Amino acid sequence: MKKISIAEIDATTKDNVFTRYRQLLEQELATKFDTDTWQRILDLAILTGVRMLLWNKAMNVQKNVAGAKEEWDWWVNKIHDCNQKYFLS
């Protein structure tokens, strides 16, 4: 199995994973999520991921790991988006 570096997992790839996960979840549950509900599910996943993973992302930036800054920026942008939607509105 080919090991994938952080640099290879860009926002497009993450979006593709989210889309595929939604398809499989909807198929398994035999239901469809409306766009707003799905976005809230994704936002909750982002905020949960931040609590679990952001410290590690920061450490990778500090260590100058290849692709770490881009990964950090992706997470920070998602946090900013959630903050705008739920806390500043």
Protein backbone atom coordinates (compact mmCIF):
# COMPACT_ATOMS: atom_id res chain seq x y z
CA MET A 1 0.00 0.00 0.00
CA LYS A 2 1.36 3.41 -0.98
CA LYS A 3 1.87 5.79 1.92
CA ILE A 4 0.30 9.21 1.26
CA SER A 5 2.04 12.35 2.50
CA ILE A 6 0.20 15.26 4.12
CA ALA A 7 0.98 17.36 1.04
CA GLU A 8 -1.00 14.95 -1.16
CA ILE A 9 -4.17 15.32 0.94
CA ASP A 10 -5.39 18.68 -0.26
CA ALA A 11 -8.78 20.32 0.13
CA THR A 12 -10.05 18.77 -3.09
CA THR A 13 -9.24 15.31 -1.80
CA LYS A 14 -10.90 16.04 1.54
CA ASP A 15 -14.01 17.27 -0.25
CA ASN A 16 -14.06 14.08 -2.30
CA VAL A 17 -13.82 12.01 0.88
CA PHE A 18 -16.69 13.98 2.45
CA THR A 19 -18.82 13.49 -0.67
CA ARG A 20 -18.13 9.76 -0.81
CA TYR A 21 -18.79 9.39 2.93
CA ARG A 22 -22.13 11.15 2.50
CA GLN A 23 -23.09 8.83 -0.35
CA LEU A 24 -22.23 5.73 1.66
CA LEU A 25 -23.93 7.00 4.82
CA GLU A 26 -27.11 7.92 2.97
CA GLN A 27 -27.09 4.52 1.29
CA GLU A 28 -26.59 2.69 4.58
CA LEU A 29 -29.28 4.70 6.38
CA ALA A 30 -31.62 4.65 3.37
CA THR A 31 -32.17 8.38 3.73
CA LYS A 32 -31.03 11.61 2.12
CA PHE A 33 -29.63 14.59 4.00
CA ASP A 34 -30.68 18.03 2.87
CA THR A 35 -27.81 20.44 2.16
CA ASP A 36 -28.17 22.41 5.40
CA THR A 37 -28.25 19.30 7.58
CA TRP A 38 -25.24 17.82 5.82
CA GLN A 39 -23.29 21.06 6.23
CA ARG A 40 -24.03 21.09 9.97
CA ILE A 41 -22.82 17.49 10.21
CA LEU A 42 -19.58 18.45 8.42
CA ASP A 43 -19.12 21.53 10.61
CA LEU A 44 -19.54 19.44 13.74
CA ALA A 45 -16.99 16.96 12.39
CA ILE A 46 -14.56 19.82 11.73
CA LEU A 47 -14.98 21.26 15.22
CA THR A 48 -14.57 17.80 16.75
CA GLY A 49 -11.49 17.18 14.62
CA VAL A 50 -10.02 20.48 15.77
CA ARG A 51 -10.31 19.45 19.40
CA MET A 52 -8.56 16.16 18.69
CA LEU A 53 -6.03 17.02 16.00
CA LEU A 54 -5.09 20.70 15.90
CA TRP A 55 -2.27 20.33 18.43
CA ASN A 56 -0.68 17.75 16.13
CA LYS A 57 -1.12 20.00 13.10
CA ALA A 58 0.64 22.82 14.99
CA MET A 59 3.51 20.50 15.95
CA ASN A 60 3.94 19.49 12.31
CA VAL A 61 4.10 23.14 11.24
CA GLN A 62 6.67 23.81 13.96
CA LYS A 63 8.75 20.84 12.74
CA ASN A 64 8.51 22.07 9.11
CA VAL A 65 6.91 18.81 7.95
CA ALA A 66 6.25 18.93 4.21
CA GLY A 67 2.67 20.05 3.53
CA ALA A 68 2.00 20.84 7.20
CA LYS A 69 1.44 24.56 6.62
CA GLU A 70 -1.15 23.86 3.94
CA GLU A 71 -2.86 21.35 6.24
CA TRP A 72 -2.82 23.91 9.07
CA ASP A 73 -4.28 26.57 6.78
CA TRP A 74 -7.09 24.22 5.71
CA TRP A 75 -8.09 23.61 9.33
CA VAL A 76 -7.83 27.29 10.28
CA ASN A 77 -10.03 28.26 7.32
CA LYS A 78 -12.63 25.69 8.37
CA ILE A 79 -12.56 26.97 11.96
CA HIS A 80 -13.02 30.51 10.67
CA ASP A 81 -15.98 29.42 8.53
CA CYS A 82 -17.64 27.71 11.52
CA ASN A 83 -16.95 30.70 13.74
CA GLN A 84 -18.61 33.03 11.21
CA LYS A 85 -21.66 30.76 10.87
CA TYR A 86 -22.35 29.83 14.46
CA PHE A 87 -20.67 32.28 16.79
CA LEU A 88 -20.56 35.66 15.05
CA SER A 89 -23.95 35.66 13.38
